[in-house]
Amino acid sequence: MSEFKHISVQEVADDTSAYTVVDIRDPQSFALGHMPKAVHLSNDNFATFLQTTPKHQPVVVVCYHGISSQRAAQVIVSQGFDTVFSMDGGFEAWKLAQPVVTD
């Protein structure tokens, strides 16, 4: 079975359009601020995500600090996705140096 990979905030920021970014934090935290173009991913929409996201599309999983995203990334890999990353430092690291949106 494939393994997920680690990716830095800067690598994602350098080319955000290359990735589908999924944010697994709670809905309230996501609403208060998230990465541009990030999609909130929860148990409620996970099946839809699996059905609508091409398996060859690189996916970056984001949580608060880069810990729970590792487990979620492994779950996504196990669903047949080719390239899945856990973003080191999570959203807390992202917001220190990158733009945050609240749409």
PDB file of N, CA and C in Angstrom:
ATOM      1  N   MET A   1       0.834  -1.187   0.000  1.00  0.00           N
ATOM      2  CA  MET A   1       0.000   0.000   0.000  1.00  0.00           C
ATOM      3  C   MET A   1       0.876   1.247   0.000  1.00  0.00           C
ATOM      4  N   SER A   2       0.415   2.249  -0.666  1.00  0.00           N
ATOM      5  CA  SER A   2       1.142   3.515  -0.709  1.00  0.00           C
ATOM      6  C   SER A   2       1.108   4.198   0.647  1.00  0.00           C
ATOM      7  N   GLU A   3       1.995   5.113   0.822  1.00  0.00           N
ATOM      8  CA  GLU A   3       2.050   5.908   2.040  1.00  0.00           C
ATOM      9  C   GLU A   3       1.838   7.371   1.672  1.00  0.00           C
ATOM     10  N   PHE A   4       1.310   8.121   2.616  1.00  0.00           N
ATOM     11  CA  PHE A   4       1.220   9.560   2.400  1.00  0.00           C
ATOM     12  C   PHE A   4       2.609  10.164   2.551  1.00  0.00           C
ATOM     13  N   LYS A   5       2.752  11.401   2.080  1.00  0.00           N
ATOM     14  CA  LYS A   5       4.022  12.120   2.178  1.00  0.00           C
ATOM     15  C   LYS A   5       3.815  13.374   3.024  1.00  0.00           C
ATOM     16  N   HIS A   6       4.897  13.933   3.481  1.00  0.00           N
ATOM     17  CA  HIS A   6       4.847  15.202   4.207  1.00  0.00           C
ATOM     18  C   HIS A   6       5.141  16.331   3.231  1.00  0.00           C
ATOM     19  N   ILE A   7       4.526  17.484   3.468  1.00  0.00           N
ATOM     20  CA  ILE A   7       4.767  18.653   2.624  1.00  0.00           C
ATOM     21  C   ILE A   7       4.819  19.879   3.527  1.00  0.00           C
ATOM     22  N   SER A   8       5.656  20.836   3.162  1.00  0.00           N
ATOM     23  CA  SER A   8       5.792  22.044   3.976  1.00  0.00           C
ATOM     24  C   SER A   8       4.767  23.092   3.558  1.00  0.00           C
ATOM     25  N   VAL A   9       4.519  24.025   4.458  1.00  0.00           N
ATOM     26  CA  VAL A   9       3.631  25.151   4.147  1.00  0.00           C
ATOM     27  C   VAL A   9       4.129  25.860   2.895  1.00  0.00           C
ATOM     28  N   GLN A  10       5.431  26.088   2.810  1.00  0.00           N
ATOM     29  CA  GLN A  10       5.973  26.830   1.675  1.00  0.00           C
ATOM     30  C   GLN A  10       5.778  26.086   0.357  1.00  0.00           C
ATOM     31  N   GLU A  11       5.940  24.769   0.366  1.00  0.00           N
ATOM     32  CA  GLU A  11       5.729  23.996  -0.860  1.00  0.00           C
ATOM     33  C   GLU A  11       4.289  24.115  -1.347  1.00  0.00           C
ATOM     34  N   VAL A  12       3.335  24.083  -0.428  1.00  0.00           N
ATOM     35  CA  VAL A  12       1.928  24.236  -0.816  1.00  0.00           C
ATOM     36  C   VAL A  12       1.685  25.659  -1.301  1.00  0.00           C
ATOM     37  N   ALA A  13       2.221  26.639  -0.584  1.00  0.00           N
ATOM     38  CA  ALA A  13       2.015  28.048  -0.941  1.00  0.00           C
ATOM     39  C   ALA A  13       2.598  28.380  -2.310  1.00  0.00           C
ATOM     40  N   ASP A  14       3.679  27.709  -2.672  1.00  0.00           N
ATOM     41  CA  ASP A  14       4.329  27.980  -3.960  1.00  0.00           C
ATOM     42  C   ASP A  14       3.449  27.638  -5.153  1.00  0.00           C
ATOM     43  N   ASP A  15       2.529  26.696  -4.982  1.00  0.00           N
ATOM     44  CA  ASP A  15       1.657  26.308  -6.097  1.00  0.00           C
ATOM     45  C   ASP A  15       0.362  25.693  -5.578  1.00  0.00           C
ATOM     46  N   THR A  16      -0.477  26.513  -4.957  1.00  0.00           N
ATOM     47  CA  THR A  16      -1.709  25.999  -4.367  1.00  0.00           C
ATOM     48  C   THR A  16      -2.628  25.378  -5.413  1.00  0.00           C
ATOM     49  N   SER A  17      -2.540  25.836  -6.651  1.00  0.00           N
ATOM     50  CA  SER A  17      -3.438  25.304  -7.692  1.00  0.00           C
ATOM     51  C   SER A  17      -3.106  23.863  -8.059  1.00  0.00           C
ATOM     52  N   ALA A  18      -1.949  23.371  -7.646  1.00  0.00           N
ATOM     53  CA  ALA A  18      -1.550  22.003  -7.991  1.00  0.00           C
ATOM     54  C   ALA A  18      -2.209  20.959  -7.086  1.00  0.00           C
ATOM     55  N   TYR A  19      -2.857  21.408  -6.012  1.00  0.00           N
ATOM     56  CA  TYR A  19      -3.368  20.483  -5.006  1.00  0.00           C
ATOM     57  C   TYR A  19      -4.855  20.717  -4.721  1.00  0.00           C
ATOM     58  N   THR A  20      -5.519  19.656  -4.307  1.00  0.00           N
ATOM     59  CA  THR A  20      -6.813  19.778  -3.649  1.00  0.00           C
ATOM     60  C   THR A  20      -6.496  19.819  -2.162  1.00  0.00           C
ATOM     61  N   VAL A  21      -6.833  20.926  -1.510  1.00  0.00           N
ATOM     62  CA  VAL A  21      -6.540  21.088  -0.088  1.00  0.00           C
ATOM     63  C   VAL A  21      -7.800  20.782   0.706  1.00  0.00           C
ATOM     64  N   VAL A  22      -7.706  19.800   1.602  1.00  0.00           N
ATOM     65  CA  VAL A  22      -8.835  19.456   2.466  1.00  0.00           C
ATOM     66  C   VAL A  22      -8.464  19.760   3.912  1.00  0.00           C
ATOM     67  N   ASP A  23      -9.349  20.449   4.587  1.00  0.00           N
ATOM     68  CA  ASP A  23      -9.151  20.902   5.959  1.00  0.00           C
ATOM     69  C   ASP A  23     -10.053  20.062   6.854  1.00  0.00           C
ATOM     70  N   ILE A  24      -9.464  19.343   7.803  1.00  0.00           N
ATOM     71  CA  ILE A  24     -10.238  18.431   8.647  1.00  0.00           C
ATOM     72  C   ILE A  24     -10.518  19.006  10.036  1.00  0.00           C
ATOM     73  N   ARG A  25     -10.237  20.286  10.228  1.00  0.00           N
ATOM     74  CA  ARG A  25     -10.543  20.898  11.528  1.00  0.00           C
ATOM     75  C   ARG A  25     -12.060  20.999  11.709  1.00  0.00           C
ATOM     76  N   ASP A  26     -12.490  21.378  12.899  1.00  0.00           N
ATOM     77  CA  ASP A  26     -13.934  21.474  13.150  1.00  0.00           C
ATOM     78  C   ASP A  26     -14.544  22.603  12.317  1.00  0.00           C
ATOM     79  N   PRO A  27     -15.846  22.522  12.041  1.00  0.00           N
ATOM     80  CA  PRO A  27     -16.498  23.503  11.154  1.00  0.00           C
ATOM     81  C   PRO A  27     -16.360  24.950  11.634  1.00  0.00           C
ATOM     82  N   GLN A  28     -16.401  25.180  12.930  1.00  0.00           N
ATOM     83  CA  GLN A  28     -16.289  26.541  13.446  1.00  0.00           C
ATOM     84  C   GLN A  28     -14.907  27.121  13.177  1.00  0.00           C
ATOM     85  N   SER A  29     -13.871  26.331  13.406  1.00  0.00           N
ATOM     86  CA  SER A  29     -12.506  26.799  13.136  1.00  0.00           C
ATOM     87  C   SER A  29     -12.318  27.075  11.655  1.00  0.00           C
ATOM     88  N   PHE A  30     -12.856  26.197  10.819  1.00  0.00           N
ATOM     89  CA  PHE A  30     -12.761  26.389   9.374  1.00  0.00           C
ATOM     90  C   PHE A  30     -13.443  27.695   8.971  1.00  0.00           C
ATOM     91  N   ALA A  31     -14.622  27.960   9.526  1.00  0.00           N
ATOM     92  CA  ALA A  31     -15.372  29.178   9.188  1.00  0.00           C
ATOM     93  C   ALA A  31     -14.636  30.442   9.620  1.00  0.00           C
ATOM     94  N   LEU A  32     -13.886  30.358  10.708  1.00  0.00           N
ATOM     95  CA  LEU A  32     -13.155  31.522  11.211  1.00  0.00           C
ATOM     96  C   LEU A  32     -11.906  31.828  10.393  1.00  0.00           C
ATOM     97  N   GLY A  33     -11.422  30.855   9.632  1.00  0.00           N
ATOM     98  CA  GLY A  33     -10.251  31.082   8.790  1.00  0.00           C
ATOM     99  C   GLY A  33      -9.706  29.789   8.246  1.00  0.00           C
ATOM    100  N   HIS A  34      -9.376  29.797   6.951  1.00  0.00           N
ATOM    101  CA  HIS A  34      -8.800  28.614   6.316  1.00  0.00           C
ATOM    102  C   HIS A  34      -7.951  29.029   5.126  1.00  0.00           C
ATOM    103  N   MET A  35      -7.264  28.063   4.564  1.00  0.00           N
ATOM    104  CA  MET A  35      -6.418  28.316   3.405  1.00  0.00           C
ATOM    105  C   MET A  35      -7.294  28.628   2.190  1.00  0.00           C
ATOM    106  N   PRO A  36      -6.828  29.510   1.300  1.00  0.00           N
ATOM    107  CA  PRO A  36      -7.595  29.785   0.088  1.00  0.00           C
ATOM    108  C   PRO A  36      -7.873  28.493  -0.688  1.00  0.00           C
ATOM    109  N   LYS A  37      -9.087  28.337  -1.171  1.00  0.00           N
ATOM    110  CA  LYS A  37      -9.547  27.188  -1.960  1.00  0.00           C
ATOM    111  C   LYS A  37      -9.606  25.881  -1.175  1.00  0.00           C
ATOM    112  N   ALA A  38      -9.412  25.929   0.137  1.00  0.00           N
ATOM    113  CA  ALA A  38      -9.515  24.707   0.942  1.00  0.00           C
ATOM    114  C   ALA A  38     -10.973  24.276   1.023  1.00  0.00           C
ATOM    115  N   VAL A  39     -11.164  22.976   1.116  1.00  0.00           N
ATOM    116  CA  VAL A  39     -12.484  22.389   1.262  1.00  0.00           C
ATOM    117  C   VAL A  39     -12.558  21.775   2.655  1.00  0.00           C
ATOM    118  N   HIS A  40     -13.647  22.048   3.364  1.00  0.00           N
ATOM    119  CA  HIS A  40     -13.799  21.430   4.676  1.00  0.00           C
ATOM    120  C   HIS A  40     -14.191  19.970   4.471  1.00  0.00           C
ATOM    121  N   LEU A  41     -13.446  19.065   5.062  1.00  0.00           N
ATOM    122  CA  LEU A  41     -13.707  17.632   4.921  1.00  0.00           C
ATOM    123  C   LEU A  41     -14.081  17.055   6.283  1.00  0.00           C
ATOM    124  N   SER A  42     -15.231  16.380   6.317  1.00  0.00           N
ATOM    125  CA  SER A  42     -15.704  15.762   7.565  1.00  0.00           C
ATOM    126  C   SER A  42     -16.297  14.398   7.227  1.00  0.00           C
ATOM    127  N   ASN A  43     -16.714  13.692   8.251  1.00  0.00           N
ATOM    128  CA  ASN A  43     -17.372  12.409   8.007  1.00  0.00           C
ATOM    129  C   ASN A  43     -18.620  12.579   7.151  1.00  0.00           C
ATOM    130  N   ASP A  44     -19.269  13.739   7.262  1.00  0.00           N
ATOM    131  CA  ASP A  44     -20.507  13.986   6.523  1.00  0.00           C
ATOM    132  C   ASP A  44     -20.305  14.074   5.014  1.00  0.00           C
ATOM    133  N   ASN A  45     -19.164  14.588   4.578  1.00  0.00           N
ATOM    134  CA  ASN A  45     -18.960  14.744   3.127  1.00  0.00           C
ATOM    135  C   ASN A  45     -17.803  13.902   2.584  1.00  0.00           C
ATOM    136  N   PHE A  46     -17.281  12.985   3.383  1.00  0.00           N
ATOM    137  CA  PHE A  46     -16.137  12.172   2.960  1.00  0.00           C
ATOM    138  C   PHE A  46     -16.482  11.289   1.758  1.00  0.00           C
ATOM    139  N   ALA A  47     -17.648  10.657   1.776  1.00  0.00           N
ATOM    140  CA  ALA A  47     -18.037   9.790   0.658  1.00  0.00           C
ATOM    141  C   ALA A  47     -18.154  10.590  -0.635  1.00  0.00           C
ATOM    142  N   THR A  48     -18.722  11.787  -0.555  1.00  0.00           N
ATOM    143  CA  THR A  48     -18.839  12.648  -1.737  1.00  0.00           C
ATOM    144  C   THR A  48     -17.461  13.049  -2.242  1.00  0.00           C
ATOM    145  N   PHE A  49     -16.568  13.387  -1.321  1.00  0.00           N
ATOM    146  CA  PHE A  49     -15.192  13.722  -1.690  1.00  0.00           C
ATOM    147  C   PHE A  49     -14.552  12.569  -2.467  1.00  0.00           C
ATOM    148  N   LEU A  50     -14.721  11.350  -1.971  1.00  0.00           N
ATOM    149  CA  LEU A  50     -14.130  10.187  -2.634  1.00  0.00           C
ATOM    150  C   LEU A  50     -14.705   9.998  -4.032  1.00  0.00           C
ATOM    151  N   GLN A  51     -15.986  10.274  -4.203  1.00  0.00           N
ATOM    152  CA  GLN A  51     -16.640  10.078  -5.503  1.00  0.00           C
ATOM    153  C   GLN A  51     -16.312  11.172  -6.504  1.00  0.00           C
ATOM    154  N   THR A  52     -16.070  12.394  -6.034  1.00  0.00           N
ATOM    155  CA  THR A  52     -15.938  13.528  -6.949  1.00  0.00           C
ATOM    156  C   THR A  52     -14.506  13.990  -7.189  1.00  0.00           C
ATOM    157  N   THR A  53     -13.558  13.501  -6.423  1.00  0.00           N
ATOM    158  CA  THR A  53     -12.167  13.927  -6.573  1.00  0.00           C
ATOM    159  C   THR A  53     -11.389  12.874  -7.361  1.00  0.00           C
ATOM    160  N   PRO A  54     -10.771  13.274  -8.485  1.00  0.00           N
ATOM    161  CA  PRO A  54      -9.988  12.300  -9.265  1.00  0.00           C
ATOM    162  C   PRO A  54      -8.860  11.701  -8.418  1.00  0.00           C
ATOM    163  N   LYS A  55      -8.667  10.395  -8.540  1.00  0.00           N
ATOM    164  CA  LYS A  55      -7.661   9.692  -7.731  1.00  0.00           C
ATOM    165  C   LYS A  55      -6.227  10.149  -8.055  1.00  0.00           C
ATOM    166  N   HIS A  56      -6.024  10.735  -9.253  1.00  0.00           N
ATOM    167  CA  HIS A  56      -4.676  11.196  -9.623  1.00  0.00           C
ATOM    168  C   HIS A  56      -4.403  12.627  -9.140  1.00  0.00           C
ATOM    169  N   GLN A  57      -5.433  13.308  -8.621  1.00  0.00           N
ATOM    170  CA  GLN A  57      -5.264  14.688  -8.145  1.00  0.00           C
ATOM    171  C   GLN A  57      -4.512  14.680  -6.812  1.00  0.00           C
ATOM    172  N   PRO A  58      -3.374  15.385  -6.709  1.00  0.00           N
ATOM    173  CA  PRO A  58      -2.671  15.449  -5.422  1.00  0.00           C
ATOM    174  C   PRO A  58      -3.540  16.124  -4.355  1.00  0.00           C
ATOM    175  N   VAL A  59      -3.597  15.514  -3.183  1.00  0.00           N
ATOM    176  CA  VAL A  59      -4.418  16.001  -2.081  1.00  0.00           C
ATOM    177  C   VAL A  59      -3.511  16.387  -0.918  1.00  0.00           C
ATOM    178  N   VAL A  60      -3.758  17.568  -0.334  1.00  0.00           N
ATOM    179  CA  VAL A  60      -3.051  18.000   0.874  1.00  0.00           C
ATOM    180  C   VAL A  60      -4.064  18.044   2.005  1.00  0.00           C
ATOM    181  N   VAL A  61      -3.763  17.315   3.090  1.00  0.00           N
ATOM    182  CA  VAL A  61      -4.642  17.285   4.259  1.00  0.00           C
ATOM    183  C   VAL A  61      -4.080  18.241   5.308  1.00  0.00           C
ATOM    184  N   VAL A  62      -4.983  19.095   5.833  1.00  0.00           N
ATOM    185  CA  VAL A  62      -4.588  20.112   6.809  1.00  0.00           C
ATOM    186  C   VAL A  62      -5.422  19.939   8.076  1.00  0.00           C
ATOM    187  N   CYS A  63      -4.751  19.980   9.214  1.00  0.00           N
ATOM    188  CA  CYS A  63      -5.447  19.992  10.511  1.00  0.00           C
ATOM    189  C   CYS A  63      -4.901  21.176  11.298  1.00  0.00           C
ATOM    190  N   TYR A  64      -4.978  21.131  12.601  1.00  0.00           N
ATOM    191  CA  TYR A  64      -4.497  22.252  13.424  1.00  0.00           C
ATOM    192  C   TYR A  64      -2.970  22.365  13.423  1.00  0.00           C
ATOM    193  N   HIS A  65      -2.295  21.247  13.725  1.00  0.00           N
ATOM    194  CA  HIS A  65      -0.840  21.298  13.924  1.00  0.00           C
ATOM    195  C   HIS A  65      -0.065  20.272  13.101  1.00  0.00           C
ATOM    196  N   GLY A  66      -0.744  19.542  12.223  1.00  0.00           N
ATOM    197  CA  GLY A  66      -0.055  18.565  11.391  1.00  0.00           C
ATOM    198  C   GLY A  66       0.039  17.182  11.988  1.00  0.00           C
ATOM    199  N   ILE A  67      -0.753  16.900  13.016  1.00  0.00           N
ATOM    200  CA  ILE A  67      -0.727  15.583  13.651  1.00  0.00           C
ATOM    201  C   ILE A  67      -1.886  14.711  13.146  1.00  0.00           C
ATOM    202  N   SER A  68      -3.133  15.152  13.376  1.00  0.00           N
ATOM    203  CA  SER A  68      -4.272  14.338  12.929  1.00  0.00           C
ATOM    204  C   SER A  68      -4.359  14.241  11.423  1.00  0.00           C
ATOM    205  N   SER A  69      -3.778  15.197  10.714  1.00  0.00           N
ATOM    206  CA  SER A  69      -3.802  15.131   9.249  1.00  0.00           C
ATOM    207  C   SER A  69      -3.032  13.915   8.735  1.00  0.00           C
ATOM    208  N   GLN A  70      -2.073  13.429   9.500  1.00  0.00           N
ATOM    209  CA  GLN A  70      -1.300  12.259   9.058  1.00  0.00           C
ATOM    210  C   GLN A  70      -2.194  11.019   8.993  1.00  0.00           C
ATOM    211  N   ARG A  71      -3.018  10.844  10.011  1.00  0.00           N
ATOM    212  CA  ARG A  71      -3.922   9.693  10.016  1.00  0.00           C
ATOM    213  C   ARG A  71      -4.955   9.821   8.894  1.00  0.00           C
ATOM    214  N   ALA A  72      -5.512  11.029   8.733  1.00  0.00           N
ATOM    215  CA  ALA A  72      -6.500  11.259   7.672  1.00  0.00           C
ATOM    216  C   ALA A  72      -5.871  11.053   6.296  1.00  0.00           C
ATOM    217  N   ALA A  73      -4.637  11.493   6.128  1.00  0.00           N
ATOM    218  CA  ALA A  73      -3.948  11.310   4.843  1.00  0.00           C
ATOM    219  C   ALA A  73      -3.788   9.827   4.537  1.00  0.00           C
ATOM    220  N   GLN A  74      -3.472   9.035   5.547  1.00  0.00           N
ATOM    221  CA  GLN A  74      -3.322   7.593   5.335  1.00  0.00           C
ATOM    222  C   GLN A  74      -4.656   6.962   4.937  1.00  0.00           C
ATOM    223  N   VAL A  75      -5.753   7.419   5.531  1.00  0.00           N
ATOM    224  CA  VAL A  75      -7.078   6.918   5.161  1.00  0.00           C
ATOM    225  C   VAL A  75      -7.370   7.240   3.691  1.00  0.00           C
ATOM    226  N   ILE A  76      -7.037   8.459   3.262  1.00  0.00           N
ATOM    227  CA  ILE A  76      -7.285   8.850   1.868  1.00  0.00           C
ATOM    228  C   ILE A  76      -6.421   8.026   0.919  1.00  0.00           C
ATOM    229  N   VAL A  77      -5.168   7.795   1.287  1.00  0.00           N
ATOM    230  CA  VAL A  77      -4.297   6.924   0.482  1.00  0.00           C
ATOM    231  C   VAL A  77      -4.933   5.540   0.351  1.00  0.00           C
ATOM    232  N   SER A  78      -5.477   5.034   1.438  1.00  0.00           N
ATOM    233  CA  SER A  78      -6.053   3.685   1.421  1.00  0.00           C
ATOM    234  C   SER A  78      -7.291   3.600   0.520  1.00  0.00           C
ATOM    235  N   GLN A  79      -7.838   4.747   0.142  1.00  0.00           N
ATOM    236  CA  GLN A  79      -8.987   4.790  -0.764  1.00  0.00           C
ATOM    237  C   GLN A  79      -8.568   4.859  -2.230  1.00  0.00           C
ATOM    238  N   GLY A  80      -7.261   4.722  -2.500  1.00  0.00           N
ATOM    239  CA  GLY A  80      -6.780   4.628  -3.867  1.00  0.00           C
ATOM    240  C   GLY A  80      -6.229   5.903  -4.469  1.00  0.00           C
ATOM    241  N   PHE A  81      -6.047   6.945  -3.678  1.00  0.00           N
ATOM    242  CA  PHE A  81      -5.475   8.183  -4.200  1.00  0.00           C
ATOM    243  C   PHE A  81      -3.976   8.013  -4.388  1.00  0.00           C
ATOM    244  N   ASP A  82      -3.465   8.546  -5.493  1.00  0.00           N
ATOM    245  CA  ASP A  82      -2.053   8.359  -5.859  1.00  0.00           C
ATOM    246  C   ASP A  82      -1.094   9.155  -4.977  1.00  0.00           C
ATOM    247  N   THR A  83      -1.411  10.432  -4.749  1.00  0.00           N
ATOM    248  CA  THR A  83      -0.482  11.327  -4.067  1.00  0.00           C
ATOM    249  C   THR A  83      -1.219  12.098  -2.986  1.00  0.00           C
ATOM    250  N   VAL A  84      -0.905  11.803  -1.732  1.00  0.00           N
ATOM    251  CA  VAL A  84      -1.563  12.454  -0.603  1.00  0.00           C
ATOM    252  C   VAL A  84      -0.484  12.971   0.345  1.00  0.00           C
ATOM    253  N   PHE A  85      -0.662  14.208   0.786  1.00  0.00           N
ATOM    254  CA  PHE A  85       0.291  14.851   1.683  1.00  0.00           C
ATOM    255  C   PHE A  85      -0.391  15.242   2.994  1.00  0.00           C
ATOM    256  N   SER A  86       0.380  15.224   4.064  1.00  0.00           N
ATOM    257  CA  SER A  86       0.001  15.850   5.321  1.00  0.00           C
ATOM    258  C   SER A  86       0.863  17.102   5.434  1.00  0.00           C
ATOM    259  N   MET A  87       0.223  18.259   5.622  1.00  0.00           N
ATOM    260  CA  MET A  87       0.996  19.502   5.682  1.00  0.00           C
ATOM    261  C   MET A  87       1.594  19.685   7.069  1.00  0.00           C
ATOM    262  N   ASP A  88       2.915  19.711   7.128  1.00  0.00           N
ATOM    263  CA  ASP A  88       3.638  19.865   8.391  1.00  0.00           C
ATOM    264  C   ASP A  88       3.294  21.196   9.051  1.00  0.00           C
ATOM    265  N   GLY A  89       3.002  21.142  10.340  1.00  0.00           N
ATOM    266  CA  GLY A  89       2.681  22.353  11.095  1.00  0.00           C
ATOM    267  C   GLY A  89       1.218  22.734  11.039  1.00  0.00           C
ATOM    268  N   GLY A  90       0.474  22.155  10.104  1.00  0.00           N
ATOM    269  CA  GLY A  90      -0.953  22.394   9.994  1.00  0.00           C
ATOM    270  C   GLY A  90      -1.329  23.834   9.728  1.00  0.00           C
ATOM    271  N   PHE A  91      -2.600  24.124   9.959  1.00  0.00           N
ATOM    272  CA  PHE A  91      -3.114  25.466   9.692  1.00  0.00           C
ATOM    273  C   PHE A  91      -2.439  26.515  10.564  1.00  0.00           C
ATOM    274  N   GLU A  92      -2.062  26.140  11.775  1.00  0.00           N
ATOM    275  CA  GLU A  92      -1.399  27.101  12.663  1.00  0.00           C
ATOM    276  C   GLU A  92      -0.097  27.604  12.035  1.00  0.00           C
ATOM    277  N   ALA A  93       0.640  26.724  11.376  1.00  0.00           N
ATOM    278  CA  ALA A  93       1.873  27.141  10.688  1.00  0.00           C
ATOM    279  C   ALA A  93       1.539  27.968   9.450  1.00  0.00           C
ATOM    280  N   TRP A  94       0.493  27.564   8.724  1.00  0.00           N
ATOM    281  CA  TRP A  94       0.101  28.291   7.511  1.00  0.00           C
ATOM    282  C   TRP A  94      -0.232  29.753   7.833  1.00  0.00           C
ATOM    283  N   LYS A  95      -1.037  29.978   8.858  1.00  0.00           N
ATOM    284  CA  LYS A  95      -1.526  31.337   9.105  1.00  0.00           C
ATOM    285  C   LYS A  95      -0.436  32.282   9.603  1.00  0.00           C
ATOM    286  N   LEU A  96       0.699  31.755  10.025  1.00  0.00           N
ATOM    287  CA  LEU A  96       1.813  32.608  10.445  1.00  0.00           C
ATOM    288  C   LEU A  96       2.473  33.321   9.250  1.00  0.00           C
ATOM    289  N   ALA A  97       2.372  32.700   8.063  1.00  0.00           N
ATOM    290  CA  ALA A  97       3.123  33.240   6.930  1.00  0.00           C
ATOM    291  C   ALA A  97       2.319  33.395   5.646  1.00  0.00           C
ATOM    292  N   GLN A  98       1.083  32.918   5.638  1.00  0.00           N
ATOM    293  CA  GLN A  98       0.335  32.873   4.389  1.00  0.00           C
ATOM    294  C   GLN A  98      -1.045  33.502   4.561  1.00  0.00           C
ATOM    295  N   PRO A  99      -1.708  33.808   3.433  1.00  0.00           N
ATOM    296  CA  PRO A  99      -3.043  34.397   3.514  1.00  0.00           C
ATOM    297  C   PRO A  99      -4.079  33.422   4.052  1.00  0.00           C
ATOM    298  N   VAL A 100      -5.047  33.966   4.757  1.00  0.00           N
ATOM    299  CA  VAL A 100      -6.156  33.200   5.329  1.00  0.00           C
ATOM    300  C   VAL A 100      -7.451  33.822   4.818  1.00  0.00           C
ATOM    301  N   VAL A 101      -8.416  32.992   4.476  1.00  0.00           N
ATOM    302  CA  VAL A 101      -9.706  33.496   4.006  1.00  0.00           C
ATOM    303  C   VAL A 101     -10.819  33.002   4.923  1.00  0.00           C
ATOM    304  N   THR A 102     -11.950  33.692   4.880  1.00  0.00           N
ATOM    305  CA  THR A 102     -13.072  33.324   5.734  1.00  0.00           C
ATOM    306  C   THR A 102     -14.370  33.236   4.940  1.00  0.00           C
ATOM    307  N   ASP A 103     -14.283  32.866   3.657  1.00  0.00           N
ATOM    308  CA  ASP A 103     -15.504  32.792   2.847  1.00  0.00           C
ATOM    309  C   ASP A 103     -16.240  31.496   3.045  1.00  0.00           C
TER     310      ASP A 103
END
